[in-house]
């Protein structure tokens, strides 16, 4: 709150009149954290990744999103919420689209991401390093998240509210996020939101980032799929045209 003292008229006995005190409310400083994961707790995936997208609420994304939506409309493309896995494999909302059409969606969304005001971090783990023991992976994830937040405590403590958005995914992610955030930040400043990626563009951004970081992990050890190469080409092309631009927004 800011105290405003308006100019007053001269008083015969005490000089300047104090006038009326007005309380001017400053908007609350808020930061949102959108969480996405890739991989699973079982044996079906080689990697496990968690992505956190940070967005300061005072930095509007409305104009950027409007341009994106206008671009889709101009191309006569429906506004399908981004979900990169189904897009690449032609599933769910993308099942009636050709590969060329799905590539168009991906290109449009990449431009949206490049112009959005956010930063992110992705933690990537190869499960074999933990002997496929989920308890060990969870412990490491909590430690890494806690250290990351501690390193940025001065920055995060400037915000009066920290909103954490996740879609009630895997329990190990939920546990790791809750434990790390609550250990570092004041609990009364944290608000958890169980929300759908369909409702938030930045949730879709988190999915996009987590998926690209997973694809990078696969390329780096020669485990990329034919679908990965169909959409992104050779590893050098993927790094130059996709990963390099994205990582300009990565927190280091």
C-alpha atoms as a PDB file:
ATOM      1  CA  UNK A   1       0.000   0.000   0.000  1.00  0.00           C
ATOM      2  CA  UNK A   2       1.195   3.511  -0.783  1.00  0.00           C
ATOM      3  CA  UNK A   3       0.256   6.510   1.348  1.00  0.00           C
ATOM      4  CA  UNK A   4      -0.652   9.561  -0.761  1.00  0.00           C
ATOM      5  CA  UNK A   5      -0.674  13.015   0.789  1.00  0.00           C
ATOM      6  CA  UNK A   6      -2.485  15.532  -1.451  1.00  0.00           C
ATOM      7  CA  UNK A   7      -1.626  19.171  -1.410  1.00  0.00           C
ATOM      8  CA  UNK A   8      -3.618  21.113   1.161  1.00  0.00           C
ATOM      9  CA  UNK A   9      -4.493  24.783   1.595  1.00  0.00           C
ATOM     10  CA  UNK A  10      -2.697  27.017   4.025  1.00  0.00           C
ATOM     11  CA  UNK A  11      -3.912  26.881   7.615  1.00  0.00           C
ATOM     12  CA  UNK A  12      -3.953  30.014   9.757  1.00  0.00           C
ATOM     13  CA  UNK A  13      -2.648  28.244  12.822  1.00  0.00           C
ATOM     14  CA  UNK A  14      -0.540  25.342  11.563  1.00  0.00           C
ATOM     15  CA  UNK A  15       0.591  26.112   8.050  1.00  0.00           C
ATOM     16  CA  UNK A  16      -0.309  23.586   5.368  1.00  0.00           C
ATOM     17  CA  UNK A  17      -3.388  21.494   5.974  1.00  0.00           C
ATOM     18  CA  UNK A  18      -2.668  17.773   5.921  1.00  0.00           C
ATOM     19  CA  UNK A  19      -5.575  17.255   3.549  1.00  0.00           C
ATOM     20  CA  UNK A  20      -6.958  13.737   3.149  1.00  0.00           C
ATOM     21  CA  UNK A  21      -4.843  10.609   3.352  1.00  0.00           C
ATOM     22  CA  UNK A  22      -5.534   8.243   0.499  1.00  0.00           C
ATOM     23  CA  UNK A  23      -4.459   4.637   0.331  1.00  0.00           C
ATOM     24  CA  UNK A  24      -3.402   3.635  -3.140  1.00  0.00           C
ATOM     25  CA  UNK A  25      -3.343  -0.134  -3.552  1.00  0.00           C
ATOM     26  CA  UNK A  26      -0.392  -1.517  -5.442  1.00  0.00           C
ATOM     27  CA  UNK A  27      -1.058  -4.678  -7.426  1.00  0.00           C
ATOM     28  CA  UNK A  28       0.256  -7.799  -5.745  1.00  0.00           C
ATOM     29  CA  UNK A  29       3.451  -9.120  -7.299  1.00  0.00           C
ATOM     30  CA  UNK A  30       2.846 -12.673  -8.422  1.00  0.00           C
ATOM     31  CA  UNK A  31       4.846 -15.294 -10.242  1.00  0.00           C
ATOM     32  CA  UNK A  32       3.399 -18.421 -11.801  1.00  0.00           C
ATOM     33  CA  UNK A  33       5.223 -21.725 -12.150  1.00  0.00           C
ATOM     34  CA  UNK A  34       3.866 -24.189 -14.702  1.00  0.00           C
ATOM     35  CA  UNK A  35       5.047 -27.765 -14.234  1.00  0.00           C
ATOM     36  CA  UNK A  36       5.226 -30.558 -16.786  1.00  0.00           C
ATOM     37  CA  UNK A  37       6.919 -33.936 -16.785  1.00  0.00           C
ATOM     38  CA  UNK A  38       7.966 -36.446 -19.411  1.00  0.00           C
ATOM     39  CA  UNK A  39       8.578 -40.119 -18.834  1.00  0.00           C
ATOM     40  CA  UNK A  40       7.039 -42.403 -16.267  1.00  0.00           C
ATOM     41  CA  UNK A  41       7.820 -44.108 -13.004  1.00  0.00           C
ATOM     42  CA  UNK A  42       7.806 -47.573 -14.566  1.00  0.00           C
ATOM     43  CA  UNK A  43      10.213 -49.279 -16.918  1.00  0.00           C
ATOM     44  CA  UNK A  44       8.793 -48.111 -20.235  1.00  0.00           C
ATOM     45  CA  UNK A  45      10.837 -44.919 -20.573  1.00  0.00           C
ATOM     46  CA  UNK A  46      14.577 -44.420 -20.437  1.00  0.00           C
ATOM     47  CA  UNK A  47      14.464 -40.809 -19.270  1.00  0.00           C
ATOM     48  CA  UNK A  48      12.515 -38.807 -16.734  1.00  0.00           C
ATOM     49  CA  UNK A  49      12.262 -35.025 -17.110  1.00  0.00           C
ATOM     50  CA  UNK A  50      10.547 -32.254 -15.207  1.00  0.00           C
ATOM     51  CA  UNK A  51      10.155 -28.721 -16.587  1.00  0.00           C
ATOM     52  CA  UNK A  52       9.276 -25.576 -14.650  1.00  0.00           C
ATOM     53  CA  UNK A  53       8.180 -22.489 -16.605  1.00  0.00           C
ATOM     54  CA  UNK A  54       8.353 -19.189 -14.681  1.00  0.00           C
ATOM     55  CA  UNK A  55       6.135 -16.261 -15.649  1.00  0.00           C
ATOM     56  CA  UNK A  56       5.907 -12.931 -13.849  1.00  0.00           C
ATOM     57  CA  UNK A  57       2.240 -11.978 -13.897  1.00  0.00           C
ATOM     58  CA  UNK A  58       2.936  -8.318 -14.651  1.00  0.00           C
ATOM     59  CA  UNK A  59       4.432  -9.338 -18.010  1.00  0.00           C
ATOM     60  CA  UNK A  60       1.402  -9.692 -20.245  1.00  0.00           C
ATOM     61  CA  UNK A  61       1.220 -12.426 -22.855  1.00  0.00           C
ATOM     62  CA  UNK A  62      -2.103 -11.240 -24.297  1.00  0.00           C
ATOM     63  CA  UNK A  63      -0.715  -9.510 -27.382  1.00  0.00           C
ATOM     64  CA  UNK A  64       1.614 -12.382 -28.259  1.00  0.00           C
ATOM     65  CA  UNK A  65      -1.187 -14.919 -27.894  1.00  0.00           C
ATOM     66  CA  UNK A  66      -3.513 -12.742 -29.987  1.00  0.00           C
ATOM     67  CA  UNK A  67      -0.970 -12.679 -32.830  1.00  0.00           C
ATOM     68  CA  UNK A  68      -0.656 -16.477 -32.614  1.00  0.00           C
ATOM     69  CA  UNK A  69      -4.420 -16.961 -32.745  1.00  0.00           C
ATOM     70  CA  UNK A  70      -4.716 -14.552 -35.678  1.00  0.00           C
ATOM     71  CA  UNK A  71      -2.001 -16.487 -37.509  1.00  0.00           C
ATOM     72  CA  UNK A  72      -3.907 -19.742 -37.030  1.00  0.00           C
ATOM     73  CA  UNK A  73      -7.132 -18.122 -38.239  1.00  0.00           C
ATOM     74  CA  UNK A  74      -5.392 -16.685 -41.300  1.00  0.00           C
ATOM     75  CA  UNK A  75      -4.202 -20.191 -42.196  1.00  0.00           C
ATOM     76  CA  UNK A  76      -7.694 -21.637 -41.562  1.00  0.00           C
ATOM     77  CA  UNK A  77      -6.275 -23.780 -38.761  1.00  0.00           C
ATOM     78  CA  UNK A  78      -8.292 -24.675 -35.672  1.00  0.00           C
ATOM     79  CA  UNK A  79      -6.904 -23.511 -32.330  1.00  0.00           C
ATOM     80  CA  UNK A  80      -5.821 -26.896 -30.938  1.00  0.00           C
ATOM     81  CA  UNK A  81      -4.119 -26.775 -27.520  1.00  0.00           C
ATOM     82  CA  UNK A  82      -0.476 -27.732 -28.016  1.00  0.00           C
ATOM     83  CA  UNK A  83       0.420 -31.259 -26.915  1.00  0.00           C
ATOM     84  CA  UNK A  84       3.626 -32.168 -28.687  1.00  0.00           C
ATOM     85  CA  UNK A  85       3.578 -35.951 -28.233  1.00  0.00           C
ATOM     86  CA  UNK A  86       0.155 -36.458 -29.844  1.00  0.00           C
ATOM     87  CA  UNK A  87       0.994 -33.845 -32.490  1.00  0.00           C
ATOM     88  CA  UNK A  88       4.085 -35.734 -33.622  1.00  0.00           C
ATOM     89  CA  UNK A  89       2.358 -39.121 -33.544  1.00  0.00           C
ATOM     90  CA  UNK A  90      -0.920 -37.983 -35.093  1.00  0.00           C
ATOM     91  CA  UNK A  91      -3.062 -38.887 -32.090  1.00  0.00           C
ATOM     92  CA  UNK A  92      -5.963 -37.288 -30.185  1.00  0.00           C
ATOM     93  CA  UNK A  93      -6.874 -33.852 -31.591  1.00  0.00           C
ATOM     94  CA  UNK A  94      -4.325 -34.288 -34.397  1.00  0.00           C
ATOM     95  CA  UNK A  95      -5.426 -37.687 -35.716  1.00  0.00           C
ATOM     96  CA  UNK A  96      -7.186 -36.310 -38.813  1.00  0.00           C
ATOM     97  CA  UNK A  97      -4.292 -34.034 -39.810  1.00  0.00           C
ATOM     98  CA  UNK A  98      -1.522 -34.793 -42.271  1.00  0.00           C
ATOM     99  CA  UNK A  99       2.134 -34.652 -41.279  1.00  0.00           C
ATOM    100  CA  UNK A 100       2.493 -31.388 -43.205  1.00  0.00           C
ATOM    101  CA  UNK A 101      -0.418 -29.842 -41.304  1.00  0.00           C
ATOM    102  CA  UNK A 102       0.982 -30.967 -37.965  1.00  0.00           C
ATOM    103  CA  UNK A 103       4.343 -29.454 -38.870  1.00  0.00           C
ATOM    104  CA  UNK A 104       2.535 -26.176 -39.537  1.00  0.00           C
ATOM    105  CA  UNK A 105       1.064 -26.223 -36.038  1.00  0.00           C
ATOM    106  CA  UNK A 106       4.482 -26.884 -34.576  1.00  0.00           C
ATOM    107  CA  UNK A 107       6.074 -24.011 -36.506  1.00  0.00           C
ATOM    108  CA  UNK A 108       3.361 -21.569 -35.449  1.00  0.00           C
ATOM    109  CA  UNK A 109       3.727 -22.557 -31.815  1.00  0.00           C
ATOM    110  CA  UNK A 110       7.501 -22.212 -31.963  1.00  0.00           C
ATOM    111  CA  UNK A 111       7.094 -18.567 -33.002  1.00  0.00           C
ATOM    112  CA  UNK A 112       4.677 -18.022 -30.112  1.00  0.00           C
ATOM    113  CA  UNK A 113       7.201 -19.469 -27.650  1.00  0.00           C
ATOM    114  CA  UNK A 114      10.032 -17.312 -28.992  1.00  0.00           C
ATOM    115  CA  UNK A 115       8.065 -14.126 -28.275  1.00  0.00           C
ATOM    116  CA  UNK A 116       6.628 -15.039 -24.886  1.00  0.00           C
ATOM    117  CA  UNK A 117       8.115 -13.484 -21.712  1.00  0.00           C
ATOM    118  CA  UNK A 118       9.100 -16.442 -19.538  1.00  0.00           C
ATOM    119  CA  UNK A 119      12.083 -18.438 -18.331  1.00  0.00           C
ATOM    120  CA  UNK A 120      12.415 -22.127 -17.615  1.00  0.00           C
ATOM    121  CA  UNK A 121      14.449 -24.954 -16.191  1.00  0.00           C
ATOM    122  CA  UNK A 122      14.391 -28.630 -17.118  1.00  0.00           C
ATOM    123  CA  UNK A 123      15.852 -31.348 -14.930  1.00  0.00           C
ATOM    124  CA  UNK A 124      16.628 -34.507 -16.910  1.00  0.00           C
ATOM    125  CA  UNK A 125      17.469 -37.904 -15.475  1.00  0.00           C
ATOM    126  CA  UNK A 126      18.397 -41.229 -17.032  1.00  0.00           C
ATOM    127  CA  UNK A 127      16.654 -43.772 -14.860  1.00  0.00           C
ATOM    128  CA  UNK A 128      19.384 -46.383 -15.260  1.00  0.00           C
ATOM    129  CA  UNK A 129      21.650 -44.134 -13.151  1.00  0.00           C
ATOM    130  CA  UNK A 130      19.305 -44.801 -10.234  1.00  0.00           C
ATOM    131  CA  UNK A 131      19.049 -48.540 -10.912  1.00  0.00           C
ATOM    132  CA  UNK A 132      15.454 -47.811 -11.901  1.00  0.00           C
ATOM    133  CA  UNK A 133      14.620 -47.215  -8.235  1.00  0.00           C
ATOM    134  CA  UNK A 134      11.976 -44.504  -8.062  1.00  0.00           C
ATOM    135  CA  UNK A 135      12.737 -43.660  -4.420  1.00  0.00           C
ATOM    136  CA  UNK A 136      16.312 -42.724  -5.368  1.00  0.00           C
ATOM    137  CA  UNK A 137      15.111 -40.689  -8.334  1.00  0.00           C
ATOM    138  CA  UNK A 138      12.605 -38.845  -6.151  1.00  0.00           C
ATOM    139  CA  UNK A 139      15.264 -38.029  -3.559  1.00  0.00           C
ATOM    140  CA  UNK A 140      17.596 -36.658  -6.240  1.00  0.00           C
ATOM    141  CA  UNK A 141      14.802 -34.655  -7.844  1.00  0.00           C
ATOM    142  CA  UNK A 142      13.838 -33.065  -4.523  1.00  0.00           C
ATOM    143  CA  UNK A 143      17.460 -32.187  -3.838  1.00  0.00           C
ATOM    144  CA  UNK A 144      17.978 -30.617  -7.259  1.00  0.00           C
ATOM    145  CA  UNK A 145      14.732 -28.631  -7.123  1.00  0.00           C
ATOM    146  CA  UNK A 146      15.473 -27.393  -3.616  1.00  0.00           C
ATOM    147  CA  UNK A 147      18.982 -26.295  -4.585  1.00  0.00           C
ATOM    148  CA  UNK A 148      17.673 -24.540  -7.683  1.00  0.00           C
ATOM    149  CA  UNK A 149      15.090 -22.603  -5.650  1.00  0.00           C
ATOM    150  CA  UNK A 150      17.618 -21.753  -2.939  1.00  0.00           C
ATOM    151  CA  UNK A 151      19.953 -20.312  -5.564  1.00  0.00           C
ATOM    152  CA  UNK A 152      17.125 -17.996  -6.656  1.00  0.00           C
ATOM    153  CA  UNK A 153      15.638 -17.281  -3.240  1.00  0.00           C
ATOM    154  CA  UNK A 154      16.360 -13.541  -3.390  1.00  0.00           C
ATOM    155  CA  UNK A 155      14.518 -13.274  -6.695  1.00  0.00           C
ATOM    156  CA  UNK A 156      11.547 -15.454  -5.700  1.00  0.00           C
ATOM    157  CA  UNK A 157      11.114 -13.774  -2.323  1.00  0.00           C
ATOM    158  CA  UNK A 158      10.233 -10.506  -4.087  1.00  0.00           C
ATOM    159  CA  UNK A 159       6.854 -11.969  -4.986  1.00  0.00           C
ATOM    160  CA  UNK A 160       3.936 -11.891  -2.595  1.00  0.00           C
ATOM    161  CA  UNK A 161       2.339 -14.940  -4.187  1.00  0.00           C
ATOM    162  CA  UNK A 162       3.801 -17.950  -5.954  1.00  0.00           C
ATOM    163  CA  UNK A 163       1.238 -19.899  -7.980  1.00  0.00           C
ATOM    164  CA  UNK A 164       2.214 -23.436  -8.922  1.00  0.00           C
ATOM    165  CA  UNK A 165       0.189 -24.987 -11.747  1.00  0.00           C
ATOM    166  CA  UNK A 166       0.214 -28.695 -12.500  1.00  0.00           C
ATOM    167  CA  UNK A 167      -2.297 -31.129 -13.980  1.00  0.00           C
ATOM    168  CA  UNK A 168      -2.279 -33.653 -11.144  1.00  0.00           C
ATOM    169  CA  UNK A 169       0.107 -35.847 -13.059  1.00  0.00           C
ATOM    170  CA  UNK A 170       2.445 -38.382 -11.545  1.00  0.00           C
ATOM    171  CA  UNK A 171       2.650 -38.527  -7.780  1.00  0.00           C
ATOM    172  CA  UNK A 172       6.438 -38.295  -7.626  1.00  0.00           C
ATOM    173  CA  UNK A 173       6.344 -34.924  -9.401  1.00  0.00           C
ATOM    174  CA  UNK A 174       3.644 -33.625  -7.074  1.00  0.00           C
ATOM    175  CA  UNK A 175       5.596 -34.739  -4.010  1.00  0.00           C
ATOM    176  CA  UNK A 176       8.896 -33.329  -5.267  1.00  0.00           C
ATOM    177  CA  UNK A 177       7.383 -29.947  -6.154  1.00  0.00           C
ATOM    178  CA  UNK A 178       5.507 -29.565  -2.870  1.00  0.00           C
ATOM    179  CA  UNK A 179       8.481 -30.539  -0.723  1.00  0.00           C
ATOM    180  CA  UNK A 180      11.001 -28.343  -2.555  1.00  0.00           C
ATOM    181  CA  UNK A 181       8.828 -25.228  -2.866  1.00  0.00           C
ATOM    182  CA  UNK A 182       7.561 -25.383   0.716  1.00  0.00           C
ATOM    183  CA  UNK A 183      11.053 -25.963   2.089  1.00  0.00           C
ATOM    184  CA  UNK A 184      12.425 -22.830   0.443  1.00  0.00           C
ATOM    185  CA  UNK A 185       9.489 -20.401   0.358  1.00  0.00           C
ATOM    186  CA  UNK A 186       6.974 -19.245   2.940  1.00  0.00           C
ATOM    187  CA  UNK A 187       3.978 -21.565   2.848  1.00  0.00           C
ATOM    188  CA  UNK A 188       1.485 -18.718   3.109  1.00  0.00           C
ATOM    189  CA  UNK A 189       2.814 -17.311  -0.181  1.00  0.00           C
ATOM    190  CA  UNK A 190       2.233 -20.513  -2.159  1.00  0.00           C
ATOM    191  CA  UNK A 191      -0.954 -21.298  -4.050  1.00  0.00           C
ATOM    192  CA  UNK A 192      -1.351 -24.643  -5.805  1.00  0.00           C
ATOM    193  CA  UNK A 193      -3.542 -24.896  -8.886  1.00  0.00           C
ATOM    194  CA  UNK A 194      -4.690 -28.220 -10.316  1.00  0.00           C
ATOM    195  CA  UNK A 195      -5.437 -27.139 -13.862  1.00  0.00           C
ATOM    196  CA  UNK A 196      -5.676 -28.447 -17.390  1.00  0.00           C
ATOM    197  CA  UNK A 197      -3.108 -27.529 -20.058  1.00  0.00           C
ATOM    198  CA  UNK A 198      -6.072 -26.733 -22.304  1.00  0.00           C
ATOM    199  CA  UNK A 199      -6.828 -23.720 -20.119  1.00  0.00           C
ATOM    200  CA  UNK A 200      -3.374 -22.093 -20.094  1.00  0.00           C
ATOM    201  CA  UNK A 201      -1.022 -21.286 -22.965  1.00  0.00           C
ATOM    202  CA  UNK A 202       1.949 -21.364 -20.614  1.00  0.00           C
ATOM    203  CA  UNK A 203       0.982 -24.870 -19.573  1.00  0.00           C
ATOM    204  CA  UNK A 204       1.192 -25.789 -23.249  1.00  0.00           C
ATOM    205  CA  UNK A 205       4.575 -24.063 -23.385  1.00  0.00           C
ATOM    206  CA  UNK A 206       5.771 -26.267 -20.513  1.00  0.00           C
ATOM    207  CA  UNK A 207       4.670 -29.375 -22.423  1.00  0.00           C
ATOM    208  CA  UNK A 208       6.432 -28.136 -25.566  1.00  0.00           C
ATOM    209  CA  UNK A 209       9.675 -27.437 -23.701  1.00  0.00           C
ATOM    210  CA  UNK A 210       9.682 -30.694 -21.774  1.00  0.00           C
ATOM    211  CA  UNK A 211       9.099 -32.627 -24.994  1.00  0.00           C
ATOM    212  CA  UNK A 212      11.911 -30.837 -26.856  1.00  0.00           C
ATOM    213  CA  UNK A 213      14.319 -31.402 -23.974  1.00  0.00           C
ATOM    214  CA  UNK A 214      13.400 -35.100 -24.003  1.00  0.00           C
ATOM    215  CA  UNK A 215      14.039 -35.262 -27.734  1.00  0.00           C
ATOM    216  CA  UNK A 216      17.442 -33.655 -27.144  1.00  0.00           C
ATOM    217  CA  UNK A 217      18.261 -36.301 -24.531  1.00  0.00           C
ATOM    218  CA  UNK A 218      17.330 -38.997 -27.035  1.00  0.00           C
ATOM    219  CA  UNK A 219      19.364 -37.451 -29.870  1.00  0.00           C
ATOM    220  CA  UNK A 220      22.408 -37.033 -27.619  1.00  0.00           C
ATOM    221  CA  UNK A 221      22.671 -40.786 -27.069  1.00  0.00           C
ATOM    222  CA  UNK A 222      21.480 -41.911 -30.488  1.00  0.00           C
ATOM    223  CA  UNK A 223      18.066 -43.019 -29.229  1.00  0.00           C
ATOM    224  CA  UNK A 224      15.973 -40.692 -31.391  1.00  0.00           C
ATOM    225  CA  UNK A 225      12.976 -42.168 -33.190  1.00  0.00           C
ATOM    226  CA  UNK A 226      12.026 -42.015 -36.845  1.00  0.00           C
ATOM    227  CA  UNK A 227       9.261 -39.608 -35.843  1.00  0.00           C
ATOM    228  CA  UNK A 228      11.802 -37.304 -34.178  1.00  0.00           C
ATOM    229  CA  UNK A 229      13.848 -37.198 -37.367  1.00  0.00           C
ATOM    230  CA  UNK A 230      10.752 -36.723 -39.523  1.00  0.00           C
ATOM    231  CA  UNK A 231       9.901 -33.521 -37.651  1.00  0.00           C
ATOM    232  CA  UNK A 232      13.345 -32.177 -36.760  1.00  0.00           C
ATOM    233  CA  UNK A 233      15.841 -33.752 -39.142  1.00  0.00           C
ATOM    234  CA  UNK A 234      19.380 -34.627 -38.082  1.00  0.00           C
ATOM    235  CA  UNK A 235      20.656 -33.712 -34.618  1.00  0.00           C
ATOM    236  CA  UNK A 236      22.576 -30.693 -35.897  1.00  0.00           C
ATOM    237  CA  UNK A 237      19.459 -29.298 -37.545  1.00  0.00           C
ATOM    238  CA  UNK A 238      17.416 -29.880 -34.384  1.00  0.00           C
ATOM    239  CA  UNK A 239      19.949 -28.037 -32.223  1.00  0.00           C
ATOM    240  CA  UNK A 240      20.297 -25.116 -34.625  1.00  0.00           C
ATOM    241  CA  UNK A 241      16.652 -24.556 -35.530  1.00  0.00           C
ATOM    242  CA  UNK A 242      14.867 -25.565 -32.336  1.00  0.00           C
ATOM    243  CA  UNK A 243      16.976 -26.100 -29.251  1.00  0.00           C
ATOM    244  CA  UNK A 244      19.317 -23.111 -29.560  1.00  0.00           C
ATOM    245  CA  UNK A 245      16.456 -20.608 -29.783  1.00  0.00           C
ATOM    246  CA  UNK A 246      14.551 -22.234 -26.942  1.00  0.00           C
ATOM    247  CA  UNK A 247      17.499 -22.307 -24.569  1.00  0.00           C
ATOM    248  CA  UNK A 248      17.906 -18.556 -24.716  1.00  0.00           C
ATOM    249  CA  UNK A 249      15.099 -18.616 -22.162  1.00  0.00           C
ATOM    250  CA  UNK A 250      16.654 -21.269 -19.951  1.00  0.00           C
ATOM    251  CA  UNK A 251      17.713 -20.312 -16.430  1.00  0.00           C
ATOM    252  CA  UNK A 252      21.333 -21.209 -15.726  1.00  0.00           C
END
